[in-house]
Amino acid sequence: MKNEVGEKDFYTVADDNNFYQSEASDFLKQKNIKVVHPKTRYLKFKTATGNEFNFDTKSKANKGWLTIFFDPKKEAPVIMSPVDIDLEYESFFIYK
């Protein structure tokens, strides 16, 4: 990403990402949603119905920065933006 946007802009984007990830983490903890910071590159999610989903947390598509909502009772995990965490929370956990 540094090569794509330049070093200065990269650090601005990285700083913004850290801010929004921290805000999202605090918000979810207040809602008693377990927050996990994976220590491995690959994640496997299993639903109650037996579906499995694999994620590469370092893929070029997400640039290594992503937030995933997961509830085993739902059909699939959802990749979402931490910027609008309150709206994303309502959409995933309340309205569906």
N, C-alpha and C. Protein backbone atom coordinates (compact mmCIF):
# COMPACT_ATOMS: atom_id res chain seq x y z
N MET A 1 0.83 -1.18 0.00
CA MET A 1 0.00 0.00 0.00
C MET A 1 0.88 1.25 0.00
N LYS A 2 2.02 1.19 0.67
CA LYS A 2 2.93 2.34 0.70
C LYS A 2 3.32 2.76 -0.70
N ASN A 3 3.58 1.77 -1.56
CA ASN A 3 3.95 2.06 -2.94
C ASN A 3 2.79 2.67 -3.73
N GLU A 4 1.57 2.26 -3.41
CA GLU A 4 0.40 2.74 -4.13
C GLU A 4 0.05 4.19 -3.79
N VAL A 5 0.09 4.53 -2.50
CA VAL A 5 -0.39 5.85 -2.07
C VAL A 5 0.72 6.79 -1.61
N GLY A 6 1.92 6.27 -1.47
CA GLY A 6 3.03 7.09 -0.97
C GLY A 6 3.15 6.93 0.53
N GLU A 7 4.35 7.16 1.02
CA GLU A 7 4.64 6.91 2.44
C GLU A 7 3.81 7.78 3.37
N LYS A 8 3.72 9.08 3.08
CA LYS A 8 2.98 9.98 3.96
C LYS A 8 1.51 9.58 4.05
N ASP A 9 0.87 9.36 2.91
CA ASP A 9 -0.54 8.97 2.91
C ASP A 9 -0.74 7.61 3.55
N PHE A 10 0.22 6.71 3.35
CA PHE A 10 0.11 5.40 3.98
C PHE A 10 0.01 5.52 5.49
N TYR A 11 0.86 6.32 6.09
CA TYR A 11 0.84 6.46 7.54
C TYR A 11 -0.43 7.16 8.03
N THR A 12 -0.98 8.04 7.23
CA THR A 12 -2.26 8.65 7.58
C THR A 12 -3.37 7.60 7.56
N VAL A 13 -3.39 6.78 6.52
CA VAL A 13 -4.39 5.72 6.42
C VAL A 13 -4.23 4.71 7.56
N ALA A 14 -2.99 4.33 7.85
CA ALA A 14 -2.73 3.37 8.92
C ALA A 14 -3.18 3.93 10.26
N ASP A 15 -2.91 5.20 10.51
CA ASP A 15 -3.33 5.84 11.75
C ASP A 15 -4.85 5.88 11.85
N ASP A 16 -5.52 6.24 10.76
CA ASP A 16 -6.98 6.25 10.75
C ASP A 16 -7.53 4.85 11.02
N ASN A 17 -6.94 3.84 10.38
CA ASN A 17 -7.39 2.48 10.59
C ASN A 17 -7.24 2.07 12.05
N ASN A 18 -6.11 2.37 12.65
CA ASN A 18 -5.91 2.04 14.07
C ASN A 18 -6.95 2.72 14.95
N PHE A 19 -7.26 3.97 14.65
CA PHE A 19 -8.27 4.69 15.42
C PHE A 19 -9.63 4.00 15.33
N TYR A 20 -10.07 3.71 14.09
CA TYR A 20 -11.40 3.11 13.92
C TYR A 20 -11.45 1.69 14.46
N GLN A 21 -10.38 0.94 14.34
CA GLN A 21 -10.35 -0.42 14.91
C GLN A 21 -10.47 -0.35 16.43
N SER A 22 -9.78 0.60 17.04
CA SER A 22 -9.86 0.77 18.49
C SER A 22 -11.27 1.18 18.92
N GLU A 23 -11.85 2.12 18.20
CA GLU A 23 -13.22 2.54 18.51
C GLU A 23 -14.20 1.38 18.36
N ALA A 24 -14.04 0.60 17.31
CA ALA A 24 -14.91 -0.55 17.08
C ALA A 24 -14.76 -1.57 18.20
N SER A 25 -13.53 -1.84 18.58
CA SER A 25 -13.27 -2.79 19.66
C SER A 25 -13.92 -2.34 20.96
N ASP A 26 -13.77 -1.08 21.31
CA ASP A 26 -14.39 -0.54 22.53
C ASP A 26 -15.91 -0.63 22.46
N PHE A 27 -16.48 -0.27 21.32
CA PHE A 27 -17.93 -0.32 21.14
C PHE A 27 -18.45 -1.74 21.34
N LEU A 28 -17.79 -2.70 20.70
CA LEU A 28 -18.25 -4.09 20.78
C LEU A 28 -18.11 -4.65 22.19
N LYS A 29 -17.05 -4.30 22.87
CA LYS A 29 -16.88 -4.74 24.26
C LYS A 29 -17.99 -4.18 25.14
N GLN A 30 -18.40 -2.94 24.90
CA GLN A 30 -19.51 -2.34 25.65
C GLN A 30 -20.82 -3.09 25.40
N LYS A 31 -20.93 -3.69 24.22
CA LYS A 31 -22.13 -4.46 23.86
C LYS A 31 -21.99 -5.93 24.26
N ASN A 32 -20.94 -6.26 24.98
CA ASN A 32 -20.64 -7.63 25.42
C ASN A 32 -20.45 -8.59 24.25
N ILE A 33 -19.86 -8.08 23.18
CA ILE A 33 -19.50 -8.91 22.03
C ILE A 33 -18.02 -9.25 22.17
N LYS A 34 -17.72 -10.52 22.12
CA LYS A 34 -16.33 -10.96 22.25
C LYS A 34 -15.52 -10.44 21.07
N VAL A 35 -14.38 -9.83 21.36
CA VAL A 35 -13.48 -9.30 20.34
C VAL A 35 -12.22 -10.15 20.34
N VAL A 36 -11.86 -10.65 19.16
CA VAL A 36 -10.69 -11.51 19.02
C VAL A 36 -9.72 -10.84 18.05
N HIS A 37 -8.47 -10.79 18.44
CA HIS A 37 -7.41 -10.31 17.56
C HIS A 37 -6.58 -11.54 17.19
N PRO A 38 -6.78 -12.07 15.98
CA PRO A 38 -6.15 -13.34 15.62
C PRO A 38 -4.63 -13.26 15.62
N LYS A 39 -4.04 -14.36 16.02
CA LYS A 39 -2.59 -14.47 16.02
C LYS A 39 -2.08 -15.27 14.83
N THR A 40 -3.01 -15.79 14.05
CA THR A 40 -2.65 -16.57 12.87
C THR A 40 -3.16 -15.87 11.62
N ARG A 41 -2.57 -16.20 10.50
CA ARG A 41 -2.96 -15.58 9.24
C ARG A 41 -4.32 -16.10 8.75
N TYR A 42 -4.57 -17.38 8.94
CA TYR A 42 -5.78 -17.99 8.40
C TYR A 42 -6.77 -18.27 9.52
N LEU A 43 -8.03 -17.95 9.24
CA LEU A 43 -9.10 -18.18 10.20
C LEU A 43 -10.14 -19.09 9.57
N LYS A 44 -10.71 -19.97 10.39
CA LYS A 44 -11.80 -20.83 9.93
C LYS A 44 -13.00 -20.57 10.84
N PHE A 45 -14.12 -20.28 10.21
CA PHE A 45 -15.37 -20.09 10.93
C PHE A 45 -16.30 -21.25 10.61
N LYS A 46 -16.94 -21.80 11.63
CA LYS A 46 -17.90 -22.89 11.44
C LYS A 46 -19.24 -22.46 12.00
N THR A 47 -20.28 -22.62 11.18
CA THR A 47 -21.62 -22.27 11.63
C THR A 47 -22.27 -23.47 12.30
N ALA A 48 -23.36 -23.21 12.98
CA ALA A 48 -24.09 -24.27 13.67
C ALA A 48 -24.63 -25.31 12.69
N THR A 49 -24.82 -24.92 11.44
CA THR A 49 -25.34 -25.84 10.43
C THR A 49 -24.23 -26.62 9.73
N GLY A 50 -22.97 -26.36 10.12
CA GLY A 50 -21.86 -27.11 9.55
C GLY A 50 -21.14 -26.44 8.40
N ASN A 51 -21.58 -25.26 7.99
CA ASN A 51 -20.86 -24.53 6.94
C ASN A 51 -19.52 -24.05 7.47
N GLU A 52 -18.51 -24.05 6.61
CA GLU A 52 -17.19 -23.56 6.99
C GLU A 52 -16.75 -22.45 6.05
N PHE A 53 -16.11 -21.44 6.62
CA PHE A 53 -15.60 -20.31 5.86
C PHE A 53 -14.17 -20.04 6.28
N ASN A 54 -13.28 -19.92 5.31
CA ASN A 54 -11.88 -19.67 5.58
C ASN A 54 -11.52 -18.26 5.12
N PHE A 55 -10.75 -17.55 5.93
CA PHE A 55 -10.32 -16.21 5.61
C PHE A 55 -8.80 -16.11 5.72
N ASP A 56 -8.23 -15.42 4.78
CA ASP A 56 -6.81 -15.08 4.82
C ASP A 56 -6.74 -13.63 5.30
N THR A 57 -6.31 -13.42 6.52
CA THR A 57 -6.32 -12.08 7.09
C THR A 57 -5.27 -11.17 6.47
N LYS A 58 -4.38 -11.73 5.68
CA LYS A 58 -3.32 -10.93 5.05
C LYS A 58 -3.48 -10.84 3.53
N SER A 59 -4.65 -11.17 3.02
CA SER A 59 -4.84 -11.14 1.58
C SER A 59 -4.70 -9.73 1.03
N LYS A 60 -4.32 -9.63 -0.22
CA LYS A 60 -4.15 -8.31 -0.84
C LYS A 60 -5.49 -7.57 -0.93
N ALA A 61 -6.59 -8.29 -1.03
CA ALA A 61 -7.90 -7.66 -1.17
C ALA A 61 -8.25 -6.82 0.05
N ASN A 62 -7.91 -7.29 1.25
CA ASN A 62 -8.27 -6.52 2.44
C ASN A 62 -7.08 -5.79 3.05
N LYS A 63 -5.93 -5.94 2.44
CA LYS A 63 -4.70 -5.26 2.88
C LYS A 63 -4.37 -5.57 4.33
N GLY A 64 -4.91 -6.68 4.86
CA GLY A 64 -4.62 -7.08 6.23
C GLY A 64 -5.43 -6.34 7.28
N TRP A 65 -6.30 -5.41 6.84
CA TRP A 65 -7.10 -4.63 7.78
C TRP A 65 -8.56 -4.96 7.55
N LEU A 66 -9.14 -5.68 8.46
CA LEU A 66 -10.55 -6.00 8.31
C LEU A 66 -11.17 -6.27 9.66
N THR A 67 -12.47 -6.17 9.69
CA THR A 67 -13.26 -6.54 10.86
C THR A 67 -14.29 -7.55 10.37
N ILE A 68 -14.41 -8.64 11.09
CA ILE A 68 -15.35 -9.69 10.71
C ILE A 68 -16.34 -9.89 11.85
N PHE A 69 -17.62 -9.85 11.52
CA PHE A 69 -18.66 -10.23 12.48
C PHE A 69 -18.98 -11.70 12.25
N PHE A 70 -19.09 -12.44 13.35
CA PHE A 70 -19.43 -13.85 13.23
C PHE A 70 -20.33 -14.26 14.37
N ASP A 71 -21.39 -14.97 14.01
CA ASP A 71 -22.30 -15.60 14.97
C ASP A 71 -22.57 -16.99 14.41
N PRO A 72 -22.21 -18.05 15.13
CA PRO A 72 -22.38 -19.40 14.59
C PRO A 72 -23.82 -19.73 14.18
N LYS A 73 -24.78 -19.00 14.73
CA LYS A 73 -26.19 -19.25 14.39
C LYS A 73 -26.58 -18.62 13.06
N LYS A 74 -25.73 -17.76 12.52
CA LYS A 74 -26.03 -17.11 11.24
C LYS A 74 -25.44 -17.93 10.10
N GLU A 75 -25.82 -17.60 8.87
CA GLU A 75 -25.39 -18.37 7.70
C GLU A 75 -23.92 -18.20 7.38
N ALA A 76 -23.36 -17.01 7.66
CA ALA A 76 -21.97 -16.76 7.26
C ALA A 76 -21.41 -15.57 8.03
N PRO A 77 -20.09 -15.51 8.16
CA PRO A 77 -19.47 -14.31 8.73
C PRO A 77 -19.62 -13.15 7.75
N VAL A 78 -19.48 -11.94 8.25
CA VAL A 78 -19.61 -10.75 7.42
C VAL A 78 -18.38 -9.86 7.62
N ILE A 79 -17.75 -9.50 6.52
CA ILE A 79 -16.66 -8.54 6.56
C ILE A 79 -17.28 -7.16 6.53
N MET A 80 -16.88 -6.32 7.48
CA MET A 80 -17.50 -5.01 7.56
C MET A 80 -16.46 -3.95 7.85
N SER A 81 -16.89 -2.71 7.77
CA SER A 81 -16.02 -1.58 8.04
C SER A 81 -16.16 -1.14 9.49
N PRO A 82 -15.04 -0.92 10.18
CA PRO A 82 -15.14 -0.44 11.55
C PRO A 82 -15.54 1.04 11.64
N VAL A 83 -15.58 1.73 10.51
CA VAL A 83 -15.90 3.16 10.51
C VAL A 83 -17.31 3.40 11.02
N ASP A 84 -18.27 2.62 10.56
CA ASP A 84 -19.67 2.76 10.97
C ASP A 84 -20.07 1.60 11.87
N ILE A 85 -19.30 1.36 12.91
CA ILE A 85 -19.49 0.18 13.75
C ILE A 85 -20.89 0.10 14.34
N ASP A 86 -21.47 1.22 14.73
CA ASP A 86 -22.81 1.18 15.32
C ASP A 86 -23.85 0.71 14.32
N LEU A 87 -23.78 1.19 13.09
CA LEU A 87 -24.72 0.76 12.06
C LEU A 87 -24.48 -0.70 11.66
N GLU A 88 -23.23 -1.07 11.54
CA GLU A 88 -22.89 -2.46 11.18
C GLU A 88 -23.36 -3.41 12.28
N TYR A 89 -23.19 -3.02 13.52
CA TYR A 89 -23.64 -3.83 14.66
C TYR A 89 -25.15 -4.05 14.59
N GLU A 90 -25.89 -2.97 14.41
CA GLU A 90 -27.35 -3.09 14.33
C GLU A 90 -27.76 -3.97 13.18
N SER A 91 -27.14 -3.79 12.03
CA SER A 91 -27.48 -4.58 10.85
C SER A 91 -27.23 -6.07 11.06
N PHE A 92 -26.13 -6.41 11.68
CA PHE A 92 -25.77 -7.82 11.84
C PHE A 92 -26.44 -8.47 13.05
N PHE A 93 -26.40 -7.81 14.19
CA PHE A 93 -26.85 -8.45 15.42
C PHE A 93 -28.30 -8.18 15.80
N ILE A 94 -28.87 -7.09 15.31
CA ILE A 94 -30.22 -6.74 15.74
C ILE A 94 -31.27 -6.99 14.67
N TYR A 95 -31.03 -6.52 13.45
CA TYR A 95 -32.06 -6.55 12.42
C TYR A 95 -32.10 -7.82 11.60
N LYS A 96 -31.14 -8.71 11.75
CA LYS A 96 -31.17 -9.92 10.93
C LYS A 96 -31.36 -11.14 11.77
